[in-house]
Amino acid sequence: MRSGSTYYVITAGHCTSTASTWYADSAQSTVLGTRTATSYPTNDYGLIRYTGRIAHPSAVYTYPGLLTIYGAGNAYIGQAVCRSGATTGVRCGTVTGLNQTVNYSTGVIYGLIRTNICAEPGDSGGPLYVASTGTILGILSGGTGNCTAGGTTFYQPISEVLAAYGLTLP
């Protein structure tokens, strides 16, 4: 995402609220960027401004490989979608609800997309997208279940985040 020539990473707000400097590696030797905004609870999104000298393609990591993202879209019920997460990789399913309210122990989040895709801790902040068109729809907020038994996941719509900060994609 970008605003003019400034580039950003959008992720879950419950993630960005934990640190101001973000790194591209677990050794914390390569700076990715700095947190510039967090909206959590009520919403669940945060913004990290690239400050390091790291590539910032408009793409989703697909374990392995990259899927180019060409734009943002709005989800609809029955839509075939996938999500990518750091813990469980790529998982696919269907949009099963819109404008959902979720009551987490840390607060209530409104206006989320619901899917029948599983997720596990560490997948948060990953993208919900349409693989066939390279369209991003949302950012993983949370869910129930797991990827052994199955589950339900909820996503912050990407269009709301782009509008809130005046960002464009790619």
Protein backbone atom coordinates (compact mmCIF):
# COMPACT_ATOMS: atom_id res chain seq x y z
CA MET A 1 0.00 0.00 0.00
CA ARG A 2 1.19 3.49 -0.57
CA SER A 3 0.42 7.14 -0.17
CA GLY A 4 2.30 9.00 -2.88
CA SER A 5 5.84 7.61 -2.73
CA THR A 6 5.59 6.39 0.89
CA TYR A 7 4.97 2.65 1.23
CA TYR A 8 3.24 0.79 4.06
CA VAL A 9 2.43 -2.68 5.34
CA ILE A 10 -1.11 -3.17 6.63
CA THR A 11 -1.56 -5.80 9.31
CA ALA A 12 -3.77 -6.51 12.31
CA GLY A 13 -4.02 -3.71 14.87
CA HIS A 14 -3.72 -6.17 17.74
CA CYS A 15 -0.28 -6.93 16.26
CA THR A 16 0.92 -3.35 15.61
CA SER A 17 -0.05 -2.28 19.13
CA THR A 18 2.77 -4.47 20.50
CA ALA A 19 5.83 -2.68 19.01
CA SER A 20 6.87 0.58 17.37
CA THR A 21 9.81 -0.79 15.33
CA TRP A 22 9.28 -3.80 13.08
CA TYR A 23 11.94 -6.14 11.70
CA ALA A 24 12.12 -8.35 8.64
CA ASP A 25 13.91 -11.15 10.51
CA SER A 26 13.63 -12.88 13.88
CA ALA A 27 17.17 -11.80 14.85
CA GLN A 28 15.93 -8.17 14.61
CA SER A 29 18.91 -7.15 12.48
CA THR A 30 17.00 -5.90 9.42
CA VAL A 31 14.57 -3.04 10.04
CA LEU A 32 11.32 -3.27 8.07
CA GLY A 33 9.72 -0.07 9.32
CA THR A 34 7.96 1.84 12.06
CA ARG A 35 4.39 1.70 13.29
CA THR A 36 2.51 4.80 12.17
CA ALA A 37 -1.05 3.90 13.18
CA THR A 38 -3.09 1.34 15.12
CA SER A 39 -6.87 1.01 15.34
CA TYR A 40 -7.82 -1.63 17.91
CA PRO A 41 -10.36 -2.47 19.28
CA THR A 42 -13.50 -1.39 17.35
CA ASN A 43 -11.37 -2.02 14.23
CA ASP A 44 -8.39 -4.35 13.88
CA TYR A 45 -5.80 -2.79 11.63
CA GLY A 46 -2.43 -1.15 11.87
CA LEU A 47 0.02 0.55 9.56
CA ILE A 48 3.80 0.09 9.37
CA ARG A 49 5.75 2.59 7.23
CA TYR A 50 8.68 1.07 5.35
CA THR A 51 11.86 2.73 6.57
CA GLY A 52 14.36 -0.03 5.86
CA ARG A 53 15.99 -0.91 2.56
CA ILE A 54 13.85 -3.94 2.02
CA ALA A 55 11.84 -4.83 -1.07
CA HIS A 56 8.15 -4.01 -0.78
CA PRO A 57 6.36 -5.75 -3.63
CA SER A 58 2.59 -5.57 -3.95
CA ALA A 59 2.28 -9.29 -3.34
CA VAL A 60 1.13 -12.03 -0.97
CA TYR A 61 3.62 -14.64 0.22
CA THR A 62 2.23 -18.05 -0.73
CA TYR A 63 4.71 -20.41 1.00
CA PRO A 64 6.72 -20.61 -1.27
CA GLY A 65 6.37 -17.92 -3.90
CA LEU A 66 4.55 -14.64 -4.34
CA LEU A 67 1.12 -13.80 -5.77
CA THR A 68 1.01 -10.31 -7.24
CA ILE A 69 -1.79 -8.15 -5.84
CA TYR A 70 -3.38 -5.94 -8.49
CA GLY A 71 -5.98 -4.19 -6.37
CA ALA A 72 -8.41 -4.22 -3.47
CA GLY A 73 -11.98 -5.48 -3.54
CA ASN A 74 -15.06 -6.05 -1.42
CA ALA A 75 -16.05 -9.53 -0.29
CA TYR A 76 -19.42 -11.13 -1.01
CA ILE A 77 -21.08 -14.19 0.50
CA GLY A 78 -20.16 -17.38 -1.34
CA GLN A 79 -16.94 -15.91 -2.77
CA ALA A 80 -14.01 -18.34 -3.10
CA VAL A 81 -11.08 -16.92 -1.14
CA CYS A 82 -7.70 -17.83 0.34
CA ARG A 83 -5.65 -16.51 3.20
CA SER A 84 -1.94 -16.61 3.87
CA GLY A 85 -0.56 -16.86 7.40
CA ALA A 86 2.85 -17.24 9.02
CA THR A 87 1.84 -20.31 11.04
CA THR A 88 -0.28 -22.40 8.67
CA GLY A 89 0.58 -21.03 5.22
CA VAL A 90 -2.12 -20.78 2.56
CA ARG A 91 -5.62 -22.06 3.29
CA CYS A 92 -8.71 -21.58 1.13
CA GLY A 93 -12.48 -21.58 1.60
CA THR A 94 -15.55 -19.39 1.22
CA VAL A 95 -16.89 -16.08 2.54
CA THR A 96 -19.80 -16.99 4.83
CA GLY A 97 -20.76 -13.61 6.32
CA LEU A 98 -20.32 -9.85 6.13
CA ASN A 99 -20.51 -7.01 8.67
CA GLN A 100 -19.84 -9.41 11.53
CA THR A 101 -19.23 -8.32 15.15
CA VAL A 102 -16.69 -10.28 17.21
CA ASN A 103 -16.31 -9.93 20.97
CA TYR A 104 -12.68 -10.75 21.82
CA SER A 105 -11.44 -10.70 25.42
CA THR A 106 -9.55 -7.48 24.55
CA GLY A 107 -12.52 -5.70 22.95
CA VAL A 108 -15.29 -5.74 20.36
CA ILE A 109 -14.50 -5.49 16.62
CA TYR A 110 -17.20 -4.49 14.11
CA GLY A 111 -17.77 -4.91 10.38
CA LEU A 112 -15.70 -8.04 9.79
CA ILE A 113 -15.78 -10.59 6.95
CA ARG A 114 -16.43 -14.20 8.13
CA THR A 115 -15.07 -17.28 6.33
CA ASN A 116 -14.96 -21.04 6.85
CA ILE A 117 -11.13 -21.00 6.59
CA CYS A 118 -9.11 -22.23 9.56
CA ALA A 119 -6.29 -20.31 11.25
CA GLU A 120 -4.01 -20.66 14.25
CA PRO A 121 -2.08 -18.29 16.51
CA GLY A 122 0.56 -16.43 14.47
CA ASP A 123 -1.59 -16.25 11.31
CA SER A 124 -3.10 -12.90 12.40
CA GLY A 125 -2.52 -9.94 10.11
CA GLY A 126 -2.25 -12.14 7.02
CA PRO A 127 -4.21 -11.26 3.88
CA LEU A 128 -7.56 -12.59 2.66
CA TYR A 129 -7.47 -12.59 -1.13
CA VAL A 130 -8.88 -13.95 -4.38
CA ALA A 131 -6.07 -16.03 -5.89
CA SER A 132 -7.43 -16.02 -9.46
CA THR A 133 -7.53 -12.22 -9.73
CA GLY A 134 -4.85 -11.01 -7.30
CA THR A 135 -7.44 -9.02 -5.34
CA ILE A 136 -6.97 -8.43 -1.61
CA LEU A 137 -10.14 -8.31 0.49
CA GLY A 138 -9.08 -8.19 4.13
CA ILE A 139 -6.63 -8.76 6.97
CA LEU A 140 -6.99 -11.68 9.42
CA SER A 141 -8.26 -10.50 12.78
CA GLY A 142 -8.95 -13.83 14.52
CA GLY A 143 -11.19 -16.84 14.68
CA THR A 144 -12.21 -20.05 16.36
CA GLY A 145 -11.07 -23.64 15.89
CA ASN A 146 -7.81 -24.73 14.31
CA CYS A 147 -6.47 -26.25 11.11
CA THR A 148 -6.79 -29.83 12.36
CA ALA A 149 -10.49 -29.72 13.29
CA GLY A 150 -11.44 -26.74 11.10
CA GLY A 151 -12.57 -23.31 12.05
CA THR A 152 -14.08 -19.92 11.34
CA THR A 153 -12.03 -16.78 10.71
CA PHE A 154 -12.78 -13.06 10.68
CA TYR A 155 -11.13 -10.34 8.58
CA GLN A 156 -10.92 -6.56 8.70
CA PRO A 157 -12.07 -5.35 5.23
CA ILE A 158 -9.13 -3.82 3.38
CA SER A 159 -11.26 -1.11 1.74
CA GLU A 160 -11.95 0.42 5.16
CA VAL A 161 -8.23 0.58 5.96
CA LEU A 162 -7.31 2.12 2.59
CA ALA A 163 -10.03 4.76 3.01
CA ALA A 164 -9.05 5.56 6.61
CA TYR A 165 -5.47 6.43 5.62
CA GLY A 166 -5.88 7.54 2.00
CA LEU A 167 -3.83 4.64 0.66
CA THR A 168 -3.81 3.07 -2.78
CA LEU A 169 -2.86 -0.33 -4.03
CA PRO A 170 -0.49 -1.24 -5.62
